Amino acid sequence: MALYPANAQAIAACADKLKQGDLVALPTETVYGLAGDATNGEAIAAIYATKARPQFNPLICHVADMKAARAIGRFNDAAEKLAAAFWPGPLTLVVPRQADCPVDPLASAGLDTIALRVPAHETAQKLLRAVARPLVAPSANPSGRLSPSSAAHVSEMLPDIDVLDGGNCSIGMESSIVGCLDDAPLWLRAGGLARKDIEACLGVNLSEPPEETAQQARLAPGRLARHYAPHSNLRLNAETARDNELLIGFGATAEPCFANLSADGHLSEAAARLFSVLHEADKAAQQSGQNLAVMAIPTDGLGEAINDRLARAAA
């Protein structure tokens, strides 16, 4: 389908498509999302079908501002504090649905909660305001595969979807997800906002649900054991490449690497480049019949999210 420049004419055309129940891929600061009208059950079902996504895996609902978010979800003190500090931005909040929530229940996978985010990307904001309704927008890729951080990634993986090209994603990592359902906020997914910054804002440590707790796992996307995965096998914490591997480096290294996430050892750069490098390396590995290996990444700050994505990709 078409690849549109993110100008006013294209945004208006894509807004009309979304109002009619069609799907459009849109850029955000995190990754590209496969957007559909959150109030339209058929559009949501089309997203699940297009991605071949399990319908027990809820979708994140994107809105333009806090006023729109409050019309959909109920915000406790923790949610209010986090929204004021980090929205718009790479943070998703899982809150109880309003009694008259207009979002189709299919987006919540049958739960009485809703995952909400206000994206910071200018094009996403313009599209949300043009549509004037909430949009569900999971990553614009087949379920379980590498997330798209450029319009080209979307066109390659979902060639039947129209794409608004807003350039490369500045963060390149899905949003962090916090559950704000009672007095103990839950850390549901590591992402583009570091856990320590969220905890500093709240003044408390986040609780973390056990990985094996199915009900908690359903509260947020991206908690499946194998997710964000390349086609090629991926080995973690490699010091050198084996004979049949392409090595992805991190930091200053004398080892020959196919690519380096950040030669300077900057976690923000590594996060922004992660999916782009994995896409490129996976394509090269498939062509040469090789596997992938990635060097160890520190676990502090954004390193938690990077290691989470790598662990699920290698599962």
C-alpha atoms as a PDB file:
ATOM      1  CA  MET A   1       0.000   0.000   0.000  1.00  0.00           C
ATOM      2  CA  ALA A   2       0.984   3.675   0.113  1.00  0.00           C
ATOM      3  CA  LEU A   3       3.802   5.307   2.055  1.00  0.00           C
ATOM      4  CA  TYR A   4       2.678   8.851   2.892  1.00  0.00           C
ATOM      5  CA  PRO A   5       4.858  11.810   3.893  1.00  0.00           C
ATOM      6  CA  ALA A   6       3.642  13.166   7.215  1.00  0.00           C
ATOM      7  CA  ASN A   7       2.123  16.375   5.814  1.00  0.00           C
ATOM      8  CA  ALA A   8      -1.275  17.933   6.502  1.00  0.00           C
ATOM      9  CA  GLN A   9      -2.918  16.415   3.423  1.00  0.00           C
ATOM     10  CA  ALA A  10      -1.737  12.882   4.234  1.00  0.00           C
ATOM     11  CA  ILE A  11      -2.686  13.188   7.901  1.00  0.00           C
ATOM     12  CA  ALA A  12      -6.208  14.282   6.906  1.00  0.00           C
ATOM     13  CA  ALA A  13      -6.488  11.377   4.447  1.00  0.00           C
ATOM     14  CA  CYS A  14      -5.311   8.869   7.054  1.00  0.00           C
ATOM     15  CA  ALA A  15      -7.722  10.326   9.620  1.00  0.00           C
ATOM     16  CA  ASP A  16     -10.587   9.712   7.184  1.00  0.00           C
ATOM     17  CA  LYS A  17      -9.432   6.118   6.668  1.00  0.00           C
ATOM     18  CA  LEU A  18      -9.379   5.520  10.421  1.00  0.00           C
ATOM     19  CA  LYS A  19     -12.872   6.986  10.847  1.00  0.00           C
ATOM     20  CA  GLN A  20     -14.073   4.553   8.181  1.00  0.00           C
ATOM     21  CA  GLY A  21     -12.658   1.587  10.097  1.00  0.00           C
ATOM     22  CA  ASP A  22      -9.457   1.113   8.096  1.00  0.00           C
ATOM     23  CA  LEU A  23      -5.995   0.610   9.607  1.00  0.00           C
ATOM     24  CA  VAL A  24      -3.025   2.959   9.251  1.00  0.00           C
ATOM     25  CA  ALA A  25       0.530   2.679  10.544  1.00  0.00           C
ATOM     26  CA  LEU A  26       1.599   5.805  12.402  1.00  0.00           C
ATOM     27  CA  PRO A  27       4.925   6.958  13.854  1.00  0.00           C
ATOM     28  CA  THR A  28       5.423   7.551  17.564  1.00  0.00           C
ATOM     29  CA  GLU A  29       8.543   8.357  19.537  1.00  0.00           C
ATOM     30  CA  THR A  30       8.678   4.721  20.709  1.00  0.00           C
ATOM     31  CA  VAL A  31       7.938   2.499  17.673  1.00  0.00           C
ATOM     32  CA  TYR A  32       5.536   2.602  14.713  1.00  0.00           C
ATOM     33  CA  GLY A  33       2.010   1.551  15.659  1.00  0.00           C
ATOM     34  CA  LEU A  34      -0.716  -0.209  13.685  1.00  0.00           C
ATOM     35  CA  ALA A  35      -3.567   2.182  14.428  1.00  0.00           C
ATOM     36  CA  GLY A  36      -7.295   1.608  14.391  1.00  0.00           C
ATOM     37  CA  ASP A  37     -10.363   3.305  15.836  1.00  0.00           C
ATOM     38  CA  ALA A  38     -10.504   2.167  19.479  1.00  0.00           C
ATOM     39  CA  THR A  39     -14.304   2.524  19.528  1.00  0.00           C
ATOM     40  CA  ASN A  40     -14.754   0.219  16.506  1.00  0.00           C
ATOM     41  CA  GLY A  41     -14.733  -3.487  17.364  1.00  0.00           C
ATOM     42  CA  GLU A  42     -14.288  -4.510  13.727  1.00  0.00           C
ATOM     43  CA  ALA A  43     -11.214  -2.294  13.362  1.00  0.00           C
ATOM     44  CA  ILE A  44      -9.726  -3.782  16.532  1.00  0.00           C
ATOM     45  CA  ALA A  45     -10.443  -7.297  15.280  1.00  0.00           C
ATOM     46  CA  ALA A  46      -8.688  -6.378  12.031  1.00  0.00           C
ATOM     47  CA  ILE A  47      -5.593  -5.349  14.010  1.00  0.00           C
ATOM     48  CA  TYR A  48      -5.525  -8.698  15.805  1.00  0.00           C
ATOM     49  CA  ALA A  49      -5.959 -10.509  12.482  1.00  0.00           C
ATOM     50  CA  THR A  50      -3.334  -8.429  10.638  1.00  0.00           C
ATOM     51  CA  LYS A  51      -0.767  -8.999  13.369  1.00  0.00           C
ATOM     52  CA  ALA A  52      -1.884 -12.614  14.041  1.00  0.00           C
ATOM     53  CA  ARG A  53      -1.933 -11.417  17.668  1.00  0.00           C
ATOM     54  CA  PRO A  54      -3.435 -13.519  20.484  1.00  0.00           C
ATOM     55  CA  GLN A  55      -6.690 -11.874  21.562  1.00  0.00           C
ATOM     56  CA  PHE A  56      -5.852 -12.347  25.247  1.00  0.00           C
ATOM     57  CA  ASN A  57      -3.066  -9.782  24.739  1.00  0.00           C
ATOM     58  CA  PRO A  58      -4.557  -6.284  25.356  1.00  0.00           C
ATOM     59  CA  LEU A  59      -3.883  -3.229  23.224  1.00  0.00           C
ATOM     60  CA  ILE A  60      -2.645   0.212  24.247  1.00  0.00           C
ATOM     61  CA  CYS A  61      -5.096   3.021  23.616  1.00  0.00           C
ATOM     62  CA  HIS A  62      -3.517   6.284  22.425  1.00  0.00           C
ATOM     63  CA  VAL A  63      -5.130   9.645  23.154  1.00  0.00           C
ATOM     64  CA  ALA A  64      -4.111  13.243  22.512  1.00  0.00           C
ATOM     65  CA  ASP A  65      -4.137  14.587  26.062  1.00  0.00           C
ATOM     66  CA  MET A  66      -5.072  14.044  29.700  1.00  0.00           C
ATOM     67  CA  LYS A  67      -8.654  15.222  29.188  1.00  0.00           C
ATOM     68  CA  ALA A  68      -9.209  12.479  26.627  1.00  0.00           C
ATOM     69  CA  ALA A  69      -7.520   9.939  28.906  1.00  0.00           C
ATOM     70  CA  ARG A  70      -9.797  10.778  31.860  1.00  0.00           C
ATOM     71  CA  ALA A  71     -12.844  10.185  29.658  1.00  0.00           C
ATOM     72  CA  ILE A  72     -11.702   6.588  29.217  1.00  0.00           C
ATOM     73  CA  GLY A  73      -9.962   5.559  32.457  1.00  0.00           C
ATOM     74  CA  ARG A  74     -10.117   6.264  36.184  1.00  0.00           C
ATOM     75  CA  PHE A  75      -6.912   7.786  37.565  1.00  0.00           C
ATOM     76  CA  ASN A  76      -5.799   7.292  41.156  1.00  0.00           C
ATOM     77  CA  ASP A  77      -3.183   9.511  42.810  1.00  0.00           C
ATOM     78  CA  ALA A  78      -0.244   7.517  41.420  1.00  0.00           C
ATOM     79  CA  ALA A  79      -1.642   7.628  37.882  1.00  0.00           C
ATOM     80  CA  GLU A  80      -2.289  11.369  38.124  1.00  0.00           C
ATOM     81  CA  LYS A  81       1.245  11.992  39.353  1.00  0.00           C
ATOM     82  CA  LEU A  82       2.854   9.877  36.609  1.00  0.00           C
ATOM     83  CA  ALA A  83       0.728  11.391  33.851  1.00  0.00           C
ATOM     84  CA  ALA A  84       1.597  14.912  34.992  1.00  0.00           C
ATOM     85  CA  ALA A  85       5.314  14.078  35.038  1.00  0.00           C
ATOM     86  CA  PHE A  86       5.736  11.961  31.907  1.00  0.00           C
ATOM     87  CA  TRP A  87       2.917  12.619  29.440  1.00  0.00           C
ATOM     88  CA  PRO A  88       3.196  13.091  26.567  1.00  0.00           C
ATOM     89  CA  GLY A  89       5.937  10.470  26.390  1.00  0.00           C
ATOM     90  CA  PRO A  90       6.946   6.793  26.445  1.00  0.00           C
ATOM     91  CA  LEU A  91       4.818   5.727  29.439  1.00  0.00           C
ATOM     92  CA  THR A  92       1.645   3.618  29.359  1.00  0.00           C
ATOM     93  CA  LEU A  93      -0.649   3.538  32.397  1.00  0.00           C
ATOM     94  CA  VAL A  94      -3.033   0.641  33.044  1.00  0.00           C
ATOM     95  CA  VAL A  95      -6.040   1.972  34.957  1.00  0.00           C
ATOM     96  CA  PRO A  96      -9.660   0.873  35.569  1.00  0.00           C
ATOM     97  CA  ARG A  97     -12.038   1.599  32.695  1.00  0.00           C
ATOM     98  CA  GLN A  98     -14.653   4.295  33.165  1.00  0.00           C
ATOM     99  CA  ALA A  99     -18.189   2.893  33.446  1.00  0.00           C
ATOM    100  CA  ASP A 100     -19.091   4.593  30.144  1.00  0.00           C
ATOM    101  CA  CYS A 101     -15.711   3.954  28.476  1.00  0.00           C
ATOM    102  CA  PRO A 102     -16.225   4.253  24.690  1.00  0.00           C
ATOM    103  CA  VAL A 103     -13.332   1.905  23.855  1.00  0.00           C
ATOM    104  CA  ASP A 104     -14.534  -1.452  22.585  1.00  0.00           C
ATOM    105  CA  PRO A 105     -13.979  -4.209  25.211  1.00  0.00           C
ATOM    106  CA  LEU A 106     -11.984  -6.229  22.678  1.00  0.00           C
ATOM    107  CA  ALA A 107      -9.120  -3.739  23.089  1.00  0.00           C
ATOM    108  CA  SER A 108      -8.916  -4.674  26.780  1.00  0.00           C
ATOM    109  CA  ALA A 109      -9.014  -8.414  26.061  1.00  0.00           C
ATOM    110  CA  GLY A 110     -12.124  -8.691  28.220  1.00  0.00           C
ATOM    111  CA  LEU A 111     -10.563  -7.065  31.295  1.00  0.00           C
ATOM    112  CA  ASP A 112     -12.095  -4.159  33.225  1.00  0.00           C
ATOM    113  CA  THR A 113      -8.863  -2.196  32.771  1.00  0.00           C
ATOM    114  CA  ILE A 114      -7.539  -0.003  29.973  1.00  0.00           C
ATOM    115  CA  ALA A 115      -3.938   0.714  28.898  1.00  0.00           C
ATOM    116  CA  LEU A 116      -3.525   4.419  28.033  1.00  0.00           C
ATOM    117  CA  ARG A 117      -0.746   6.530  26.553  1.00  0.00           C
ATOM    118  CA  VAL A 118      -0.329  10.092  25.290  1.00  0.00           C
ATOM    119  CA  PRO A 119       2.379   9.949  22.594  1.00  0.00           C
ATOM    120  CA  ALA A 120       4.810  12.830  22.158  1.00  0.00           C
ATOM    121  CA  HIS A 121       5.425  12.424  18.405  1.00  0.00           C
ATOM    122  CA  GLU A 122       4.159  15.450  16.471  1.00  0.00           C
ATOM    123  CA  THR A 123       2.607  13.363  13.680  1.00  0.00           C
ATOM    124  CA  ALA A 124       0.839  11.046  16.130  1.00  0.00           C
ATOM    125  CA  GLN A 125      -0.547  14.077  17.955  1.00  0.00           C
ATOM    126  CA  LYS A 126      -1.809  15.658  14.741  1.00  0.00           C
ATOM    127  CA  LEU A 127      -3.454  12.406  13.646  1.00  0.00           C
ATOM    128  CA  LEU A 128      -5.133  11.869  17.031  1.00  0.00           C
ATOM    129  CA  ARG A 129      -6.556  15.385  16.950  1.00  0.00           C
ATOM    130  CA  ALA A 130      -7.715  14.979  13.352  1.00  0.00           C
ATOM    131  CA  VAL A 131      -9.493  11.703  14.154  1.00  0.00           C
ATOM    132  CA  ALA A 132     -10.855  13.116  17.448  1.00  0.00           C
ATOM    133  CA  ARG A 133     -11.243   9.681  18.981  1.00  0.00           C
ATOM    134  CA  PRO A 134      -8.905   7.226  20.759  1.00  0.00           C
ATOM    135  CA  LEU A 135      -6.725   4.949  18.662  1.00  0.00           C
ATOM    136  CA  VAL A 136      -5.409   1.529  19.584  1.00  0.00           C
ATOM    137  CA  ALA A 137      -1.951   1.181  18.084  1.00  0.00           C
ATOM    138  CA  PRO A 138       0.145  -1.895  18.927  1.00  0.00           C
ATOM    139  CA  SER A 139       3.493  -2.187  17.177  1.00  0.00           C
ATOM    140  CA  ALA A 140       3.064  -2.381  13.398  1.00  0.00           C
ATOM    141  CA  ASN A 141       4.555  -5.840  12.920  1.00  0.00           C
ATOM    142  CA  PRO A 142       3.452  -9.480  12.922  1.00  0.00           C
ATOM    143  CA  SER A 143       2.938 -10.577  16.515  1.00  0.00           C
ATOM    144  CA  GLY A 144       6.138 -11.709  18.203  1.00  0.00           C
ATOM    145  CA  ARG A 145       8.471 -10.307  15.543  1.00  0.00           C
ATOM    146  CA  LEU A 146      10.872  -7.384  15.782  1.00  0.00           C
ATOM    147  CA  SER A 147       9.196  -4.038  16.376  1.00  0.00           C
ATOM    148  CA  PRO A 148       9.417  -1.385  13.623  1.00  0.00           C
ATOM    149  CA  SER A 149      11.380   1.789  14.300  1.00  0.00           C
ATOM    150  CA  SER A 150      11.080   3.143  10.736  1.00  0.00           C
ATOM    151  CA  ALA A 151       8.414   3.333   8.030  1.00  0.00           C
ATOM    152  CA  ALA A 152      10.514   0.982   5.884  1.00  0.00           C
ATOM    153  CA  HIS A 153      10.285  -1.732   8.564  1.00  0.00           C
ATOM    154  CA  VAL A 154       6.484  -1.493   8.472  1.00  0.00           C
ATOM    155  CA  SER A 155       6.281  -1.603   4.678  1.00  0.00           C
ATOM    156  CA  GLU A 156       8.481  -4.678   4.630  1.00  0.00           C
ATOM    157  CA  MET A 157       6.564  -6.613   7.306  1.00  0.00           C
ATOM    158  CA  LEU A 158       3.000  -5.377   6.590  1.00  0.00           C
ATOM    159  CA  PRO A 159       2.994  -4.492   2.869  1.00  0.00           C
ATOM    160  CA  ASP A 160      -0.811  -4.154   2.717  1.00  0.00           C
ATOM    161  CA  ILE A 161      -0.934  -1.317   5.267  1.00  0.00           C
ATOM    162  CA  ASP A 162      -0.768   2.416   4.524  1.00  0.00           C
ATOM    163  CA  VAL A 163       2.071   4.080   6.465  1.00  0.00           C
ATOM    164  CA  LEU A 164       2.535   7.673   7.612  1.00  0.00           C
ATOM    165  CA  ASP A 165       6.283   8.219   7.379  1.00  0.00           C
ATOM    166  CA  GLY A 166       7.413  10.278  10.342  1.00  0.00           C
ATOM    167  CA  GLY A 167      11.075   9.293  10.121  1.00  0.00           C
ATOM    168  CA  ASN A 168      13.000   7.062  12.499  1.00  0.00           C
ATOM    169  CA  CYS A 169      11.607   6.744  16.011  1.00  0.00           C
ATOM    170  CA  SER A 170      13.608   8.870  18.437  1.00  0.00           C
ATOM    171  CA  ILE A 171      13.371   6.377  21.310  1.00  0.00           C
ATOM    172  CA  GLY A 172      13.017   3.164  19.290  1.00  0.00           C
ATOM    173  CA  MET A 173      11.803   1.155  22.292  1.00  0.00           C
ATOM    174  CA  GLU A 174       8.217   0.423  23.333  1.00  0.00           C
ATOM    175  CA  SER A 175       6.723   2.381  26.200  1.00  0.00           C
ATOM    176  CA  SER A 176       7.227   1.423  29.824  1.00  0.00           C
ATOM    177  CA  ILE A 177       3.989   0.177  31.403  1.00  0.00           C
ATOM    178  CA  VAL A 178       2.858   0.808  34.983  1.00  0.00           C
ATOM    179  CA  GLY A 179      -0.341  -0.579  36.480  1.00  0.00           C
ATOM    180  CA  CYS A 180      -2.185   1.945  38.661  1.00  0.00           C
ATOM    181  CA  LEU A 181      -5.053  -0.154  39.974  1.00  0.00           C
ATOM    182  CA  ASP A 182      -4.680   0.134  43.754  1.00  0.00           C
ATOM    183  CA  ASP A 183      -2.254   1.542  46.314  1.00  0.00           C
ATOM    184  CA  ALA A 184       0.704  -0.483  45.002  1.00  0.00           C
ATOM    185  CA  PRO A 185       1.714   0.547  41.452  1.00  0.00           C
ATOM    186  CA  LEU A 186       2.849  -2.420  39.329  1.00  0.00           C
ATOM    187  CA  TRP A 187       5.870  -2.516  37.016  1.00  0.00           C
ATOM    188  CA  LEU A 188       4.374  -4.359  34.039  1.00  0.00           C
ATOM    189  CA  ARG A 189       6.874  -3.709  31.237  1.00  0.00           C
ATOM    190  CA  ALA A 190      10.294  -2.127  30.980  1.00  0.00           C
ATOM    191  CA  GLY A 191      10.499   0.363  28.134  1.00  0.00           C
ATOM    192  CA  GLY A 192      11.560   3.795  26.977  1.00  0.00           C
ATOM    193  CA  LEU A 193      11.245   5.394  30.426  1.00  0.00           C
ATOM    194  CA  ALA A 194      13.630   4.088  33.089  1.00  0.00           C
ATOM    195  CA  ARG A 195      12.149   2.431  36.162  1.00  0.00           C
ATOM    196  CA  LYS A 196      14.279   4.546  38.507  1.00  0.00           C
ATOM    197  CA  ASP A 197      12.781   7.744  37.099  1.00  0.00           C
ATOM    198  CA  ILE A 198       9.240   6.442  37.637  1.00  0.00           C
ATOM    199  CA  GLU A 199      10.044   5.340  41.185  1.00  0.00           C
ATOM    200  CA  ALA A 200      11.676   8.696  41.921  1.00  0.00           C
ATOM    201  CA  CYS A 201       8.491  10.449  40.774  1.00  0.00           C
ATOM    202  CA  LEU A 202       6.271   8.265  42.964  1.00  0.00           C
ATOM    203  CA  GLY A 203       8.630   8.117  45.931  1.00  0.00           C
ATOM    204  CA  VAL A 204       8.042   4.346  46.235  1.00  0.00           C
ATOM    205  CA  ASN A 205       9.443   1.188  44.688  1.00  0.00           C
ATOM    206  CA  LEU A 206       7.260  -0.462  42.065  1.00  0.00           C
ATOM    207  CA  SER A 207       5.942  -3.937  42.751  1.00  0.00           C
ATOM    208  CA  GLU A 208       6.497  -6.534  40.045  1.00  0.00           C
ATOM    209  CA  PRO A 209       4.013  -9.340  39.309  1.00  0.00           C
ATOM    210  CA  PRO A 210       5.465 -12.862  39.047  1.00  0.00           C
ATOM    211  CA  GLU A 211       6.223 -13.727  35.435  1.00  0.00           C
ATOM    212  CA  GLU A 212       4.121 -16.880  35.679  1.00  0.00           C
ATOM    213  CA  THR A 213       1.004 -15.110  36.987  1.00  0.00           C
ATOM    214  CA  ALA A 214      -1.288 -15.330  33.967  1.00  0.00           C
ATOM    215  CA  GLN A 215      -3.824 -12.718  35.054  1.00  0.00           C
ATOM    216  CA  GLN A 216      -1.144 -10.111  35.703  1.00  0.00           C
ATOM    217  CA  ALA A 217       0.593 -10.986  32.434  1.00  0.00           C
ATOM    218  CA  ARG A 218      -2.647 -10.224  30.587  1.00  0.00           C
ATOM    219  CA  LEU A 219      -2.729  -6.689  31.971  1.00  0.00           C
ATOM    220  CA  ALA A 220      -0.034  -5.513  29.585  1.00  0.00           C
ATOM    221  CA  PRO A 221       1.292  -6.348  26.123  1.00  0.00           C
ATOM    222  CA  GLY A 222       4.801  -7.633  25.549  1.00  0.00           C
ATOM    223  CA  ARG A 223       4.843 -10.129  28.437  1.00  0.00           C
ATOM    224  CA  LEU A 224       4.820 -13.286  26.331  1.00  0.00           C
ATOM    225  CA  ALA A 225       7.952 -15.371  26.895  1.00  0.00           C
ATOM    226  CA  ARG A 226       8.980 -15.140  23.225  1.00  0.00           C
ATOM    227  CA  HIS A 227       8.388 -11.706  21.774  1.00  0.00           C
ATOM    228  CA  TYR A 228      10.210  -9.054  19.717  1.00  0.00           C
ATOM    229  CA  ALA A 229      11.971 -11.953  17.998  1.00  0.00           C
ATOM    230  CA  PRO A 230      14.131 -12.089  14.850  1.00  0.00           C
ATOM    231  CA  HIS A 231      13.864 -15.070  12.518  1.00  0.00           C
ATOM    232  CA  SER A 232      17.460 -16.068  13.302  1.00  0.00           C
ATOM    233  CA  ASN A 233      18.559 -17.642  16.578  1.00  0.00           C
ATOM    234  CA  LEU A 234      19.973 -15.078  19.001  1.00  0.00           C
ATOM    235  CA  ARG A 235      22.643 -15.751  21.665  1.00  0.00           C
ATOM    236  CA  LEU A 236      23.005 -13.330  24.561  1.00  0.00           C
ATOM    237  CA  ASN A 237      25.987 -12.025  26.538  1.00  0.00           C
ATOM    238  CA  ALA A 238      28.493 -13.052  23.885  1.00  0.00           C
ATOM    239  CA  GLU A 239      32.123 -12.038  24.222  1.00  0.00           C
ATOM    240  CA  THR A 240      33.057 -13.079  20.695  1.00  0.00           C
ATOM    241  CA  ALA A 241      31.232 -14.439  17.669  1.00  0.00           C
ATOM    242  CA  ARG A 242      31.228 -18.141  16.917  1.00  0.00           C
ATOM    243  CA  ASP A 243      31.973 -19.334  13.391  1.00  0.00           C
ATOM    244  CA  ASN A 244      28.308 -19.292  12.388  1.00  0.00           C
ATOM    245  CA  GLU A 245      27.335 -15.991  14.048  1.00  0.00           C
ATOM    246  CA  LEU A 246      27.087 -12.289  13.308  1.00  0.00           C
ATOM    247  CA  LEU A 247      28.066 -10.287  16.373  1.00  0.00           C
ATOM    248  CA  ILE A 248      26.195  -7.217  17.607  1.00  0.00           C
ATOM    249  CA  GLY A 249      28.456  -5.175  19.861  1.00  0.00           C
ATOM    250  CA  PHE A 250      28.057  -2.679  22.664  1.00  0.00           C
ATOM    251  CA  GLY A 251      30.673  -0.214  23.861  1.00  0.00           C
ATOM    252  CA  ALA A 252      34.316   0.024  22.835  1.00  0.00           C
ATOM    253  CA  THR A 253      35.417  -3.394  21.600  1.00  0.00           C
ATOM    254  CA  ALA A 254      38.256  -4.807  19.533  1.00  0.00           C
ATOM    255  CA  GLU A 255      35.999  -7.633  18.359  1.00  0.00           C
ATOM    256  CA  PRO A 256      34.845  -7.350  14.741  1.00  0.00           C
ATOM    257  CA  CYS A 257      31.100  -6.657  14.862  1.00  0.00           C
ATOM    258  CA  PHE A 258      28.377  -6.669  12.257  1.00  0.00           C
ATOM    259  CA  ALA A 259      27.024  -3.583  14.035  1.00  0.00           C
ATOM    260  CA  ASN A 260      27.464  -1.825  17.353  1.00  0.00           C
ATOM    261  CA  LEU A 261      24.438  -0.640  19.330  1.00  0.00           C
ATOM    262  CA  SER A 262      26.541   2.141  20.845  1.00  0.00           C
ATOM    263  CA  ALA A 263      30.304   2.321  20.455  1.00  0.00           C
ATOM    264  CA  ASP A 264      30.324   4.926  23.243  1.00  0.00           C
ATOM    265  CA  GLY A 265      28.344   2.681  25.585  1.00  0.00           C
ATOM    266  CA  HIS A 266      25.324   5.020  25.764  1.00  0.00           C
ATOM    267  CA  LEU A 267      22.171   3.109  26.705  1.00  0.00           C
ATOM    268  CA  SER A 268      19.855   5.708  25.164  1.00  0.00           C
ATOM    269  CA  GLU A 269      21.600   5.277  21.805  1.00  0.00           C
ATOM    270  CA  ALA A 270      21.499   1.490  22.157  1.00  0.00           C
ATOM    271  CA  ALA A 271      17.765   1.573  22.896  1.00  0.00           C
ATOM    272  CA  ALA A 272      17.059   3.810  19.907  1.00  0.00           C
ATOM    273  CA  ARG A 273      19.101   1.571  17.593  1.00  0.00           C
ATOM    274  CA  LEU A 274      18.106  -1.837  18.986  1.00  0.00           C
ATOM    275  CA  PHE A 275      15.295  -2.832  16.629  1.00  0.00           C
ATOM    276  CA  SER A 276      16.869  -1.172  13.593  1.00  0.00           C
ATOM    277  CA  VAL A 277      20.135  -3.091  14.135  1.00  0.00           C
ATOM    278  CA  LEU A 278      18.284  -6.356  14.811  1.00  0.00           C
ATOM    279  CA  HIS A 279      16.257  -5.959  11.597  1.00  0.00           C
ATOM    280  CA  GLU A 280      19.439  -5.359   9.581  1.00  0.00           C
ATOM    281  CA  ALA A 281      21.417  -8.137  11.262  1.00  0.00           C
ATOM    282  CA  ASP A 282      18.546 -10.633  10.989  1.00  0.00           C
ATOM    283  CA  LYS A 283      18.236 -10.015   7.256  1.00  0.00           C
ATOM    284  CA  ALA A 284      21.990 -10.502   6.778  1.00  0.00           C
ATOM    285  CA  ALA A 285      21.987 -13.642   8.945  1.00  0.00           C
ATOM    286  CA  GLN A 286      19.152 -15.197   6.961  1.00  0.00           C
ATOM    287  CA  GLN A 287      20.930 -14.481   3.681  1.00  0.00           C
ATOM    288  CA  SER A 288      24.175 -16.047   4.914  1.00  0.00           C
ATOM    289  CA  GLY A 289      22.642 -18.926   6.891  1.00  0.00           C
ATOM    290  CA  GLN A 290      24.079 -17.643  10.184  1.00  0.00           C
ATOM    291  CA  ASN A 291      22.815 -16.925  13.680  1.00  0.00           C
ATOM    292  CA  LEU A 292      23.079 -13.776  15.780  1.00  0.00           C
ATOM    293  CA  ALA A 293      24.966 -13.006  18.969  1.00  0.00           C
ATOM    294  CA  VAL A 294      24.870  -9.857  21.062  1.00  0.00           C
ATOM    295  CA  MET A 295      27.330  -8.631  23.650  1.00  0.00           C
ATOM    296  CA  ALA A 296      26.299  -8.025  27.267  1.00  0.00           C
ATOM    297  CA  ILE A 297      24.334  -4.837  27.957  1.00  0.00           C
ATOM    298  CA  PRO A 298      24.392  -3.173  31.398  1.00  0.00           C
ATOM    299  CA  THR A 299      21.128  -3.566  33.292  1.00  0.00           C
ATOM    300  CA  ASP A 300      20.847  -0.091  34.806  1.00  0.00           C
ATOM    301  CA  GLY A 301      18.436   2.564  33.490  1.00  0.00           C
ATOM    302  CA  LEU A 302      17.242   1.811  29.951  1.00  0.00           C
ATOM    303  CA  GLY A 303      19.431  -1.297  30.034  1.00  0.00           C
ATOM    304  CA  GLU A 304      16.608  -3.068  31.870  1.00  0.00           C
ATOM    305  CA  ALA A 305      14.282  -2.608  28.883  1.00  0.00           C
ATOM    306  CA  ILE A 306      16.989  -3.517  26.356  1.00  0.00           C
ATOM    307  CA  ASN A 307      17.803  -6.734  28.210  1.00  0.00           C
ATOM    308  CA  ASP A 308      14.102  -7.550  28.537  1.00  0.00           C
ATOM    309  CA  ARG A 309      13.616  -7.283  24.761  1.00  0.00           C
ATOM    310  CA  LEU A 310      16.762  -9.320  24.062  1.00  0.00           C
ATOM    311  CA  ALA A 311      15.782 -12.062  26.508  1.00  0.00           C
ATOM    312  CA  ARG A 312      12.356 -12.439  24.919  1.00  0.00           C
ATOM    313  CA  ALA A 313      13.884 -12.317  21.420  1.00  0.00           C
ATOM    314  CA  ALA A 314      16.257 -15.144  22.356  1.00  0.00           C
ATOM    315  CA  ALA A 315      13.686 -17.301  24.183  1.00  0.00           C
END
